[in-house]
Amino acid sequence: MTITITAFERSPDRGRGLARDMRVRWALEEVGQPYDVRLLSFKAMKEPAHLALQPFGQIPTYEEDDLALFESGAIVFHIAERHAGLLPDNANARARAITWMFAAVSTMEPPIVDREVAKLLEGDETWYERRLPFVEERIRNRLNELSCRLGDADWVDGEFNAGDLLMVSVLLRLKGSGILDEYPNLSAYVARGEARPAYKRAFDAQLAVFTAASVG
């Protein structure tokens, strides 16, 4: 049975590749697995049929045979475990790659998303101007730590793996903010991820959805 994932019918990221289905698309492209995409409106995301797959009414979801998954990190982990190419064969290296997957979504992503929420929803609040610098300081603290760990290496632990895929996906959310530009090695790290053929195929597929929705 073909893998089916869900994605925004009209993505709020306006085709920039930031919606979390992009991570799943990228992982599937890296391991060479075909997939179908079921596009959902915001209304459909809150209806019973989708809530049965994703109890929080978000995207993406992943369906294959009788298996249904949600949460982009868990889906990428499943893909990496089931198909060769995203996790090392060596047991210790594999464990470290999984650690970096968790670090990306649990340590790096929360303050970055917090900044996005603040700018999108809290800009009119009287305390916004005082709060934003504290949010951005949290991000810089994490970026400092990651930058020191990465050093001049191409990837966080040996060869490219699922940890890098998720970490690059998270850091891409800072593009255009100017914050990532303060860390040349992290900017180069993200650029290496974007240069991967599998990333480009996934990005083009997601962009095509936004372009079609815009024309329609």
Protein backbone atom coordinates (compact mmCIF):
# COMPACT_ATOMS: atom_id res chain seq x y z
CA MET A 1 0.00 0.00 0.00
CA THR A 2 1.29 3.46 -0.88
CA ILE A 3 2.26 5.75 1.97
CA THR A 4 -0.15 8.67 2.39
CA ILE A 5 0.69 11.81 4.32
CA THR A 6 -1.44 14.86 5.04
CA ALA A 7 -0.50 18.47 4.39
CA PHE A 8 -2.04 21.92 4.38
CA GLU A 9 -4.31 22.71 1.46
CA ARG A 10 -3.21 26.33 1.87
CA SER A 11 -0.02 26.43 3.92
CA PRO A 12 0.46 29.45 6.18
CA ASP A 13 4.19 29.38 5.36
CA ARG A 14 3.38 30.51 1.79
CA GLY A 15 5.51 27.86 0.14
CA ARG A 16 8.69 28.43 2.15
CA GLY A 17 9.04 24.78 3.13
CA LEU A 18 8.45 25.35 6.85
CA ALA A 19 5.25 23.34 7.36
CA ARG A 20 6.08 20.12 9.16
CA ASP A 21 4.98 17.84 6.32
CA MET A 22 8.20 19.06 4.65
CA ARG A 23 10.26 16.98 7.10
CA VAL A 24 8.31 13.87 6.24
CA ARG A 25 8.50 14.54 2.50
CA TRP A 26 12.27 15.03 2.83
CA ALA A 27 12.73 11.80 4.77
CA LEU A 28 10.73 9.84 2.22
CA GLU A 29 12.75 11.36 -0.61
CA GLU A 30 16.02 10.48 1.15
CA VAL A 31 15.05 6.82 1.42
CA GLY A 32 13.46 6.66 -2.02
CA GLN A 33 9.91 5.85 -0.96
CA PRO A 34 6.96 7.07 -3.07
CA TYR A 35 4.04 8.66 -1.28
CA ASP A 36 0.69 10.31 -1.85
CA VAL A 37 -0.45 13.53 -0.20
CA ARG A 38 -3.95 14.24 1.05
CA LEU A 39 -4.47 17.98 1.31
CA LEU A 40 -6.61 19.34 4.12
CA SER A 41 -8.33 22.63 4.76
CA PHE A 42 -8.12 24.11 8.25
CA LYS A 43 -11.77 23.14 8.71
CA ALA A 44 -11.12 19.53 7.71
CA MET A 45 -8.22 19.30 10.16
CA LYS A 46 -10.69 19.69 13.04
CA GLU A 47 -13.26 17.21 11.75
CA PRO A 48 -13.67 13.68 13.20
CA ALA A 49 -12.06 11.86 10.27
CA HIS A 50 -8.77 13.69 10.73
CA LEU A 51 -8.95 13.82 14.52
CA ALA A 52 -9.08 10.03 14.47
CA LEU A 53 -5.59 10.15 12.95
CA GLN A 54 -4.26 13.28 14.68
CA PRO A 55 -6.04 13.99 17.98
CA PHE A 56 -4.69 17.56 18.08
CA GLY A 57 -5.99 18.46 14.64
CA GLN A 58 -2.60 19.16 13.07
CA ILE A 59 -0.54 17.96 10.12
CA PRO A 60 1.23 15.83 9.07
CA THR A 61 -0.11 12.36 9.53
CA TYR A 62 1.28 9.15 8.01
CA GLU A 63 -0.73 6.15 6.87
CA GLU A 64 0.58 2.86 5.52
CA ASP A 65 -1.46 -0.35 5.53
CA ASP A 66 -3.05 -0.49 8.98
CA LEU A 67 -0.53 1.89 10.57
CA ALA A 68 -1.39 5.53 11.28
CA LEU A 69 1.10 7.91 12.88
CA PHE A 70 1.24 11.57 13.83
CA GLU A 71 3.97 14.00 15.01
CA SER A 72 6.61 14.78 12.40
CA GLY A 73 9.53 13.63 14.56
CA ALA A 74 7.92 10.27 15.25
CA ILE A 75 7.08 9.83 11.57
CA VAL A 76 10.64 10.60 10.48
CA PHE A 77 11.92 8.16 13.12
CA HIS A 78 9.61 5.45 11.77
CA ILE A 79 10.76 6.07 8.19
CA ALA A 80 14.42 6.04 9.27
CA GLU A 81 13.99 2.76 11.13
CA ARG A 82 12.09 1.03 8.35
CA HIS A 83 14.23 2.13 5.38
CA ALA A 84 17.99 2.36 4.93
CA GLY A 85 19.69 5.70 4.52
CA LEU A 86 18.81 7.84 7.53
CA LEU A 87 20.27 5.92 10.48
CA PRO A 88 23.79 4.47 10.78
CA ASP A 89 24.32 0.72 10.93
CA ASN A 90 26.62 0.95 13.95
CA ALA A 91 24.53 0.67 17.12
CA ASN A 92 26.23 3.49 19.02
CA ALA A 93 26.18 5.85 16.04
CA ARG A 94 22.53 4.97 15.54
CA ALA A 95 21.74 5.82 19.15
CA ARG A 96 23.54 9.16 18.82
CA ALA A 97 21.61 9.98 15.65
CA ILE A 98 18.36 9.31 17.48
CA THR A 99 19.54 11.55 20.31
CA TRP A 100 20.04 14.38 17.81
CA MET A 101 16.55 13.80 16.46
CA PHE A 102 15.13 14.36 19.92
CA ALA A 103 17.42 17.35 20.47
CA ALA A 104 16.12 19.01 17.33
CA VAL A 105 12.43 18.79 18.22
CA SER A 106 12.66 18.95 22.03
CA THR A 107 15.56 21.34 22.70
CA MET A 108 16.06 23.52 19.61
CA GLU A 109 12.55 23.90 18.23
CA PRO A 110 10.50 25.14 21.23
CA PRO A 111 12.16 28.57 21.64
CA ILE A 112 12.17 29.08 17.86
CA VAL A 113 8.45 28.36 17.64
CA ASP A 114 7.89 30.55 20.71
CA ARG A 115 9.38 33.46 18.76
CA GLU A 116 7.12 32.75 15.78
CA VAL A 117 4.04 32.67 18.00
CA ALA A 118 5.08 35.90 19.71
CA LYS A 119 5.54 37.74 16.42
CA LEU A 120 2.35 36.35 14.91
CA LEU A 121 -0.06 36.60 17.82
CA GLU A 122 1.38 38.90 20.48
CA GLY A 123 2.57 41.94 18.54
CA ASP A 124 -0.26 44.14 19.78
CA GLU A 125 0.28 43.31 23.44
CA THR A 126 1.79 46.00 25.67
CA TRP A 127 4.50 43.61 26.88
CA TYR A 128 5.53 42.33 23.43
CA GLU A 129 8.54 44.63 22.99
CA ARG A 130 9.89 43.64 26.41
CA ARG A 131 9.29 39.93 25.94
CA LEU A 132 10.75 39.42 22.46
CA PRO A 133 14.41 40.03 23.45
CA PHE A 134 14.15 37.35 26.15
CA VAL A 135 12.72 34.87 23.64
CA GLU A 136 15.51 35.63 21.18
CA GLU A 137 18.13 35.31 23.91
CA ARG A 138 16.91 31.77 24.59
CA ILE A 139 17.31 30.98 20.91
CA ARG A 140 20.82 32.44 20.79
CA ASN A 141 21.84 30.44 23.84
CA ARG A 142 20.85 27.22 22.06
CA LEU A 143 22.46 28.30 18.81
CA ASN A 144 25.70 29.11 20.63
CA GLU A 145 25.73 25.61 22.10
CA LEU A 146 24.92 23.94 18.81
CA SER A 147 27.49 26.04 16.94
CA CYS A 148 30.21 25.05 19.39
CA ARG A 149 29.30 21.39 19.07
CA LEU A 150 29.17 21.43 15.27
CA GLY A 151 32.43 23.34 14.86
CA ASP A 152 33.73 22.93 11.32
CA ALA A 153 32.09 19.54 10.75
CA ASP A 154 29.61 19.05 7.92
CA TRP A 155 27.03 17.21 10.05
CA VAL A 156 26.36 16.86 13.78
CA ASP A 157 27.69 13.30 14.13
CA GLY A 158 29.54 11.73 11.23
CA GLU A 159 27.57 11.27 8.01
CA PHE A 160 24.23 12.95 7.29
CA ASN A 161 21.41 11.22 9.14
CA ALA A 162 17.90 11.75 10.47
CA GLY A 163 19.27 13.93 13.26
CA ASP A 164 20.58 16.38 10.69
CA LEU A 165 17.35 16.22 8.71
CA LEU A 166 15.31 17.32 11.71
CA MET A 167 17.88 19.82 12.95
CA VAL A 168 18.14 21.55 9.58
CA SER A 169 14.34 21.56 9.32
CA VAL A 170 14.12 23.32 12.68
CA LEU A 171 16.85 25.86 11.93
CA LEU A 172 15.20 26.76 8.64
CA ARG A 173 12.46 28.39 10.69
CA LEU A 174 14.99 31.14 11.51
CA LYS A 175 15.67 32.06 7.89
CA GLY A 176 14.91 35.71 7.35
CA SER A 177 15.16 36.54 11.05
CA GLY A 178 18.84 37.52 10.86
CA ILE A 179 19.56 35.40 13.93
CA LEU A 180 20.94 32.40 12.06
CA ASP A 181 23.26 34.69 10.09
CA GLU A 182 25.15 35.37 13.33
CA TYR A 183 26.46 31.78 13.21
CA PRO A 184 28.33 31.17 9.93
CA ASN A 185 28.89 27.47 10.57
CA LEU A 186 25.19 26.91 11.27
CA SER A 187 24.19 28.91 8.20
CA ALA A 188 26.52 26.73 6.13
CA TYR A 189 25.10 23.63 7.81
CA VAL A 190 21.57 24.59 6.81
CA ALA A 191 22.72 25.39 3.28
CA ARG A 192 24.24 21.90 2.99
CA GLY A 193 20.90 20.42 3.96
CA GLU A 194 19.04 22.55 1.42
CA ALA A 195 21.51 21.50 -1.28
CA ARG A 196 20.68 17.81 -0.92
CA PRO A 197 18.75 16.51 -3.95
CA ALA A 198 16.16 14.86 -1.72
CA TYR A 199 15.50 18.16 0.06
CA LYS A 200 15.08 19.95 -3.27
CA ARG A 201 12.57 17.37 -4.48
CA ALA A 202 10.58 17.65 -1.25
CA PHE A 203 10.67 21.46 -1.34
CA ASP A 204 9.50 21.58 -4.94
CA ALA A 205 6.63 19.21 -4.15
CA GLN A 206 5.48 21.33 -1.22
CA LEU A 207 5.89 24.57 -3.17
CA ALA A 208 3.78 23.16 -6.01
CA VAL A 209 0.85 22.78 -3.59
CA PHE A 210 1.07 26.42 -2.55
CA THR A 211 1.43 27.58 -6.15
CA ALA A 212 -1.62 25.59 -7.25
CA ALA A 213 -3.65 26.90 -4.32
CA SER A 214 -2.63 30.48 -5.14
CA VAL A 215 -3.65 30.12 -8.77
CA GLY A 216 -6.90 28.46 -7.80
